[in-house]
């Protein structure tokens, strides 16, 4: 559940940035791609679509995508994404906890888009929501 909630909040923050942050909007206009962040068993997934400077997101897996970040399991995905550490992220690839399917350059572009996301704030929002 925490991983799904993290992806949902990530989508909200990205959509907000796509409406309010000129530099972010400029980057979004660079590519029209469909990306997927999911667990290997497809039980937890979110699709992100960039199209003409707009960003859309929906829960679930799509048949056609430009790249996919495929996590071994939701707990690992949450732990790594919540850490906010590039080193932990790279280690997860080396340990086969994360693999990139499709176009790796598109995946890196998307990850660069999200690098300014403050995951610690998102995690704080998740914990606050779970306590209520």
N, C-alpha and C. Protein backbone atom coordinates (compact mmCIF):
# COMPACT_ATOMS: atom_id res chain seq x y z
N UNK A 1 0.82 -1.20 0.00
CA UNK A 1 0.00 0.00 0.00
C UNK A 1 0.86 1.26 0.00
N UNK A 2 1.97 1.23 0.76
CA UNK A 2 2.81 2.42 0.84
C UNK A 2 3.39 2.78 -0.52
N UNK A 3 3.80 1.75 -1.30
CA UNK A 3 4.35 2.01 -2.62
C UNK A 3 3.30 2.62 -3.54
N UNK A 4 2.09 2.08 -3.52
CA UNK A 4 1.01 2.63 -4.35
C UNK A 4 0.71 4.07 -3.96
N UNK A 5 0.70 4.33 -2.67
CA UNK A 5 0.44 5.69 -2.20
C UNK A 5 1.58 6.63 -2.60
N UNK A 6 2.81 6.15 -2.52
CA UNK A 6 3.95 6.96 -2.93
C UNK A 6 3.82 7.32 -4.42
N UNK A 7 3.45 6.36 -5.25
CA UNK A 7 3.29 6.62 -6.69
C UNK A 7 2.15 7.60 -6.94
N UNK A 8 1.07 7.45 -6.19
CA UNK A 8 -0.07 8.35 -6.34
C UNK A 8 0.32 9.79 -5.98
N UNK A 9 1.00 9.95 -4.84
CA UNK A 9 1.43 11.29 -4.43
C UNK A 9 2.47 11.86 -5.38
N UNK A 10 3.32 11.00 -5.90
CA UNK A 10 4.29 11.43 -6.90
C UNK A 10 3.57 11.97 -8.13
N UNK A 11 2.52 11.28 -8.56
CA UNK A 11 1.74 11.74 -9.72
C UNK A 11 1.10 13.10 -9.45
N UNK A 12 0.57 13.27 -8.25
CA UNK A 12 -0.05 14.56 -7.90
C UNK A 12 0.98 15.68 -7.95
N UNK A 13 2.16 15.44 -7.37
CA UNK A 13 3.19 16.47 -7.35
C UNK A 13 3.70 16.77 -8.76
N UNK A 14 3.86 15.75 -9.59
CA UNK A 14 4.31 15.97 -10.97
C UNK A 14 3.26 16.74 -11.77
N UNK A 15 1.99 16.39 -11.59
CA UNK A 15 0.92 17.11 -12.29
C UNK A 15 0.88 18.57 -11.85
N UNK A 16 1.06 18.81 -10.58
CA UNK A 16 1.07 20.18 -10.07
C UNK A 16 2.23 20.96 -10.69
N UNK A 17 3.40 20.34 -10.71
CA UNK A 17 4.57 21.01 -11.31
C UNK A 17 4.34 21.28 -12.79
N UNK A 18 3.60 20.39 -13.46
CA UNK A 18 3.36 20.55 -14.90
C UNK A 18 2.42 21.72 -15.19
N UNK A 19 1.81 22.26 -14.16
CA UNK A 19 0.91 23.41 -14.34
C UNK A 19 1.50 24.70 -13.79
N UNK A 20 2.44 24.57 -12.85
CA UNK A 20 2.89 25.75 -12.11
C UNK A 20 4.37 26.11 -12.25
N UNK A 21 5.17 25.21 -12.79
CA UNK A 21 6.62 25.47 -12.82
C UNK A 21 7.12 25.55 -14.26
N UNK A 22 7.43 26.75 -14.70
CA UNK A 22 7.84 26.95 -16.10
C UNK A 22 9.01 26.07 -16.56
N UNK A 23 10.02 25.90 -15.72
CA UNK A 23 11.16 25.06 -16.11
C UNK A 23 10.75 23.60 -16.28
N UNK A 24 9.87 23.15 -15.41
CA UNK A 24 9.37 21.78 -15.50
C UNK A 24 8.56 21.60 -16.78
N UNK A 25 7.71 22.57 -17.08
CA UNK A 25 6.88 22.52 -18.29
C UNK A 25 7.77 22.49 -19.53
N UNK A 26 8.83 23.29 -19.51
CA UNK A 26 9.77 23.33 -20.64
C UNK A 26 10.39 21.95 -20.85
N UNK A 27 10.78 21.29 -19.76
CA UNK A 27 11.35 19.94 -19.88
C UNK A 27 10.31 18.95 -20.40
N UNK A 28 9.07 19.07 -19.92
CA UNK A 28 8.02 18.17 -20.38
C UNK A 28 7.79 18.25 -21.88
N UNK A 29 7.99 19.43 -22.44
CA UNK A 29 7.77 19.62 -23.88
C UNK A 29 8.84 18.94 -24.72
N UNK A 30 9.92 18.48 -24.10
CA UNK A 30 11.01 17.85 -24.83
C UNK A 30 10.64 16.47 -25.39
N UNK A 31 9.75 15.77 -24.71
CA UNK A 31 9.45 14.39 -25.11
C UNK A 31 7.98 14.06 -24.91
N UNK A 32 7.48 13.20 -25.77
CA UNK A 32 6.16 12.60 -25.61
C UNK A 32 6.39 11.11 -25.38
N UNK A 33 6.28 10.70 -24.13
CA UNK A 33 6.58 9.30 -23.80
C UNK A 33 5.56 8.75 -22.81
N UNK A 34 5.53 7.44 -22.76
CA UNK A 34 4.73 6.72 -21.77
C UNK A 34 5.70 5.89 -20.93
N UNK A 35 5.66 6.12 -19.63
CA UNK A 35 6.52 5.39 -18.71
C UNK A 35 5.70 4.65 -17.68
N UNK A 36 6.28 3.61 -17.16
CA UNK A 36 5.59 2.75 -16.21
C UNK A 36 6.51 2.48 -15.04
N UNK A 37 5.98 2.61 -13.84
CA UNK A 37 6.71 2.21 -12.64
C UNK A 37 5.85 1.12 -12.01
N UNK A 38 6.44 -0.06 -11.81
CA UNK A 38 5.62 -1.20 -11.38
C UNK A 38 6.46 -2.23 -10.63
N UNK A 39 5.76 -3.15 -10.00
CA UNK A 39 6.40 -4.31 -9.41
C UNK A 39 6.45 -5.41 -10.46
N UNK A 40 7.36 -6.34 -10.29
CA UNK A 40 7.56 -7.42 -11.27
C UNK A 40 6.30 -8.26 -11.46
N UNK A 41 5.49 -8.38 -10.41
CA UNK A 41 4.26 -9.19 -10.51
C UNK A 41 3.07 -8.41 -11.06
N UNK A 42 3.29 -7.14 -11.42
CA UNK A 42 2.25 -6.26 -11.98
C UNK A 42 1.12 -5.93 -11.02
N UNK A 43 1.27 -6.25 -9.75
CA UNK A 43 0.20 -5.96 -8.79
C UNK A 43 0.15 -4.49 -8.40
N UNK A 44 1.27 -3.83 -8.44
CA UNK A 44 1.34 -2.39 -8.12
C UNK A 44 1.97 -1.71 -9.32
N UNK A 45 1.26 -0.71 -9.87
CA UNK A 45 1.80 -0.03 -11.05
C UNK A 45 1.14 1.32 -11.24
N UNK A 46 1.90 2.22 -11.84
CA UNK A 46 1.37 3.53 -12.24
C UNK A 46 2.03 3.90 -13.55
N UNK A 47 1.20 4.41 -14.44
CA UNK A 47 1.63 4.85 -15.76
C UNK A 47 1.71 6.37 -15.79
N UNK A 48 2.77 6.89 -16.38
CA UNK A 48 2.97 8.32 -16.54
C UNK A 48 3.10 8.62 -18.02
N UNK A 49 2.33 9.60 -18.50
CA UNK A 49 2.35 9.96 -19.92
C UNK A 49 2.67 11.44 -20.04
N UNK A 50 3.70 11.75 -20.83
CA UNK A 50 3.99 13.14 -21.15
C UNK A 50 3.62 13.36 -22.61
N UNK A 51 2.88 14.43 -22.86
CA UNK A 51 2.41 14.71 -24.21
C UNK A 51 2.25 16.21 -24.40
N UNK A 52 3.09 16.77 -25.27
CA UNK A 52 3.03 18.20 -25.59
C UNK A 52 3.05 19.10 -24.35
N UNK A 53 3.94 18.79 -23.43
CA UNK A 53 4.09 19.62 -22.25
C UNK A 53 3.11 19.33 -21.13
N UNK A 54 2.28 18.34 -21.30
CA UNK A 54 1.30 17.96 -20.27
C UNK A 54 1.68 16.60 -19.71
N UNK A 55 1.31 16.38 -18.45
CA UNK A 55 1.58 15.11 -17.81
C UNK A 55 0.27 14.51 -17.32
N UNK A 56 0.10 13.24 -17.58
CA UNK A 56 -1.07 12.53 -17.08
C UNK A 56 -0.59 11.25 -16.43
N UNK A 57 -1.36 10.74 -15.51
CA UNK A 57 -0.99 9.52 -14.81
C UNK A 57 -2.23 8.74 -14.45
N UNK A 58 -2.09 7.43 -14.48
CA UNK A 58 -3.19 6.58 -14.04
C UNK A 58 -2.63 5.32 -13.40
N UNK A 59 -3.44 4.74 -12.55
CA UNK A 59 -3.06 3.51 -11.88
C UNK A 59 -3.11 2.37 -12.87
N UNK A 60 -2.18 1.45 -12.74
CA UNK A 60 -2.22 0.24 -13.53
C UNK A 60 -1.18 0.17 -14.63
N UNK A 61 -1.17 -0.99 -15.29
CA UNK A 61 -0.21 -1.32 -16.33
C UNK A 61 -0.83 -1.04 -17.69
N UNK A 62 -0.03 -0.56 -18.62
CA UNK A 62 -0.45 -0.39 -20.01
C UNK A 62 0.32 -1.38 -20.88
N UNK A 63 -0.26 -1.73 -22.01
CA UNK A 63 0.39 -2.70 -22.91
C UNK A 63 1.60 -2.12 -23.62
N UNK A 64 1.53 -0.84 -23.96
CA UNK A 64 2.59 -0.22 -24.74
C UNK A 64 3.22 0.92 -23.94
N UNK A 65 4.54 0.87 -23.78
CA UNK A 65 5.24 1.91 -23.05
C UNK A 65 6.61 2.13 -23.67
N UNK A 66 7.18 3.29 -23.40
CA UNK A 66 8.53 3.60 -23.88
C UNK A 66 9.60 3.08 -22.92
N UNK A 67 9.28 3.11 -21.64
CA UNK A 67 10.19 2.56 -20.64
C UNK A 67 9.37 2.07 -19.45
N UNK A 68 9.97 1.16 -18.70
CA UNK A 68 9.36 0.69 -17.45
C UNK A 68 10.46 0.53 -16.41
N UNK A 69 10.18 1.02 -15.22
CA UNK A 69 11.03 0.75 -14.06
C UNK A 69 10.33 -0.39 -13.32
N UNK A 70 10.95 -1.54 -13.31
CA UNK A 70 10.33 -2.74 -12.77
C UNK A 70 11.05 -3.14 -11.48
N UNK A 71 10.33 -3.02 -10.37
CA UNK A 71 10.87 -3.33 -9.06
C UNK A 71 10.59 -4.78 -8.69
N UNK A 72 11.49 -5.39 -7.96
CA UNK A 72 11.32 -6.79 -7.54
C UNK A 72 10.08 -6.95 -6.66
N UNK A 73 9.83 -5.97 -5.79
CA UNK A 73 8.66 -6.01 -4.92
C UNK A 73 8.36 -4.60 -4.42
N UNK A 74 7.16 -4.42 -3.89
CA UNK A 74 6.71 -3.09 -3.47
C UNK A 74 7.49 -2.57 -2.27
N UNK A 75 7.84 -3.44 -1.34
CA UNK A 75 8.56 -2.98 -0.14
C UNK A 75 9.94 -2.43 -0.52
N UNK A 76 10.63 -3.11 -1.41
CA UNK A 76 11.94 -2.64 -1.87
C UNK A 76 11.80 -1.33 -2.62
N UNK A 77 10.81 -1.24 -3.50
CA UNK A 77 10.58 -0.02 -4.26
C UNK A 77 10.34 1.16 -3.32
N UNK A 78 9.50 0.96 -2.34
CA UNK A 78 9.20 2.03 -1.39
C UNK A 78 10.46 2.45 -0.63
N UNK A 79 11.19 1.47 -0.14
CA UNK A 79 12.40 1.76 0.64
C UNK A 79 13.40 2.56 -0.18
N UNK A 80 13.64 2.13 -1.41
CA UNK A 80 14.64 2.79 -2.26
C UNK A 80 14.16 4.19 -2.67
N UNK A 81 12.92 4.29 -3.13
CA UNK A 81 12.42 5.59 -3.56
C UNK A 81 12.33 6.56 -2.38
N UNK A 82 11.97 6.05 -1.22
CA UNK A 82 11.84 6.90 -0.03
C UNK A 82 13.20 7.37 0.47
N UNK A 83 14.25 6.63 0.17
CA UNK A 83 15.58 7.01 0.65
C UNK A 83 16.04 8.31 -0.01
N UNK A 84 15.60 8.54 -1.24
CA UNK A 84 16.03 9.74 -1.96
C UNK A 84 17.49 9.72 -2.35
N UNK A 85 18.12 8.57 -2.20
CA UNK A 85 19.56 8.44 -2.46
C UNK A 85 19.82 7.84 -3.83
N UNK A 86 20.61 8.54 -4.62
CA UNK A 86 21.01 8.01 -5.93
C UNK A 86 21.83 6.75 -5.76
N UNK A 87 22.68 6.71 -4.75
CA UNK A 87 23.51 5.54 -4.50
C UNK A 87 22.66 4.30 -4.19
N UNK A 88 21.65 4.47 -3.35
CA UNK A 88 20.76 3.35 -3.02
C UNK A 88 20.00 2.90 -4.27
N UNK A 89 19.60 3.86 -5.09
CA UNK A 89 18.89 3.57 -6.33
C UNK A 89 19.77 2.74 -7.27
N UNK A 90 21.02 3.18 -7.46
CA UNK A 90 21.95 2.46 -8.33
C UNK A 90 22.26 1.07 -7.76
N UNK A 91 22.42 0.99 -6.45
CA UNK A 91 22.65 -0.31 -5.81
C UNK A 91 21.50 -1.27 -6.06
N UNK A 92 20.28 -0.75 -6.09
CA UNK A 92 19.12 -1.62 -6.33
C UNK A 92 19.16 -2.22 -7.73
N UNK A 93 19.72 -1.48 -8.68
CA UNK A 93 19.90 -2.03 -10.04
C UNK A 93 20.97 -3.11 -10.01
N UNK A 94 22.08 -2.83 -9.34
CA UNK A 94 23.18 -3.79 -9.26
C UNK A 94 22.76 -5.09 -8.56
N UNK A 95 21.83 -4.97 -7.62
CA UNK A 95 21.37 -6.14 -6.87
C UNK A 95 20.15 -6.80 -7.51
N UNK A 96 19.82 -6.38 -8.71
CA UNK A 96 18.67 -6.92 -9.46
C UNK A 96 17.33 -6.71 -8.77
N UNK A 97 17.24 -5.67 -7.94
CA UNK A 97 15.95 -5.30 -7.34
C UNK A 97 15.18 -4.34 -8.23
N UNK A 98 15.87 -3.79 -9.23
CA UNK A 98 15.25 -2.88 -10.18
C UNK A 98 15.85 -3.15 -11.55
N UNK A 99 14.97 -3.24 -12.54
CA UNK A 99 15.46 -3.34 -13.91
C UNK A 99 14.70 -2.34 -14.77
N UNK A 100 15.36 -1.91 -15.81
CA UNK A 100 14.76 -0.97 -16.74
C UNK A 100 14.43 -1.72 -18.01
N UNK A 101 13.16 -1.63 -18.42
CA UNK A 101 12.73 -2.24 -19.68
C UNK A 101 12.46 -1.13 -20.67
N UNK A 102 12.65 -1.43 -21.94
CA UNK A 102 12.40 -0.43 -22.97
C UNK A 102 13.59 0.49 -23.14
N UNK A 103 13.31 1.74 -23.47
CA UNK A 103 14.33 2.72 -23.78
C UNK A 103 14.93 3.30 -22.51
N UNK A 104 16.17 2.94 -22.24
CA UNK A 104 16.85 3.41 -21.03
C UNK A 104 17.05 4.92 -21.00
N UNK A 105 17.23 5.53 -22.18
CA UNK A 105 17.40 6.99 -22.22
C UNK A 105 16.11 7.70 -21.81
N UNK A 106 14.97 7.15 -22.21
CA UNK A 106 13.69 7.73 -21.78
C UNK A 106 13.53 7.59 -20.26
N UNK A 107 13.94 6.44 -19.74
CA UNK A 107 13.86 6.22 -18.29
C UNK A 107 14.72 7.24 -17.55
N UNK A 108 15.94 7.47 -18.04
CA UNK A 108 16.82 8.44 -17.40
C UNK A 108 16.26 9.85 -17.49
N UNK A 109 15.69 10.18 -18.64
CA UNK A 109 15.06 11.50 -18.80
C UNK A 109 13.95 11.69 -17.77
N UNK A 110 13.10 10.68 -17.61
CA UNK A 110 12.01 10.76 -16.64
C UNK A 110 12.55 10.87 -15.22
N UNK A 111 13.57 10.10 -14.91
CA UNK A 111 14.16 10.16 -13.57
C UNK A 111 14.76 11.54 -13.30
N UNK A 112 15.34 12.16 -14.32
CA UNK A 112 15.85 13.52 -14.16
C UNK A 112 14.70 14.50 -13.88
N UNK A 113 13.56 14.27 -14.53
CA UNK A 113 12.39 15.11 -14.26
C UNK A 113 11.99 15.06 -12.80
N UNK A 114 12.08 13.87 -12.24
CA UNK A 114 11.61 13.67 -10.87
C UNK A 114 12.69 13.93 -9.82
N UNK A 115 13.90 14.24 -10.24
CA UNK A 115 14.99 14.37 -9.26
C UNK A 115 14.76 15.49 -8.26
N UNK A 116 13.98 16.48 -8.64
CA UNK A 116 13.71 17.58 -7.71
C UNK A 116 12.59 17.26 -6.73
N UNK A 117 11.96 16.10 -6.94
CA UNK A 117 10.89 15.70 -6.02
C UNK A 117 11.51 15.47 -4.65
N UNK A 118 10.86 16.01 -3.65
CA UNK A 118 11.35 15.82 -2.30
C UNK A 118 10.62 14.63 -1.70
N UNK A 119 11.21 13.44 -1.84
CA UNK A 119 10.55 12.23 -1.38
C UNK A 119 10.33 12.23 0.13
N UNK A 120 11.20 12.92 0.88
CA UNK A 120 11.00 12.93 2.33
C UNK A 120 9.68 13.62 2.68
N UNK A 121 9.29 14.64 1.90
CA UNK A 121 8.00 15.29 2.14
C UNK A 121 6.87 14.34 1.77
N UNK A 122 7.02 13.63 0.66
CA UNK A 122 6.00 12.66 0.26
C UNK A 122 5.85 11.58 1.31
N UNK A 123 6.96 11.06 1.81
CA UNK A 123 6.92 10.02 2.85
C UNK A 123 6.24 10.55 4.09
N UNK A 124 6.55 11.77 4.48
CA UNK A 124 5.91 12.38 5.63
C UNK A 124 4.39 12.45 5.43
N UNK A 125 3.96 12.80 4.21
CA UNK A 125 2.53 12.85 3.92
C UNK A 125 1.90 11.47 4.03
N UNK A 126 2.62 10.45 3.57
CA UNK A 126 2.10 9.09 3.66
C UNK A 126 1.92 8.69 5.11
N UNK A 127 2.95 8.91 5.92
CA UNK A 127 2.85 8.51 7.32
C UNK A 127 1.75 9.27 8.04
N UNK A 128 1.63 10.56 7.76
CA UNK A 128 0.57 11.35 8.37
C UNK A 128 -0.80 10.80 7.98
N UNK A 129 -0.95 10.43 6.72
CA UNK A 129 -2.21 9.87 6.23
C UNK A 129 -2.51 8.52 6.86
N UNK A 130 -1.48 7.71 7.09
CA UNK A 130 -1.69 6.39 7.67
C UNK A 130 -2.06 6.47 9.15
N UNK A 131 -1.63 7.52 9.82
CA UNK A 131 -1.93 7.67 11.24
C UNK A 131 -3.34 8.12 11.49
N UNK A 132 -3.98 8.72 10.48
CA UNK A 132 -5.34 9.25 10.68
C UNK A 132 -6.35 8.15 10.66
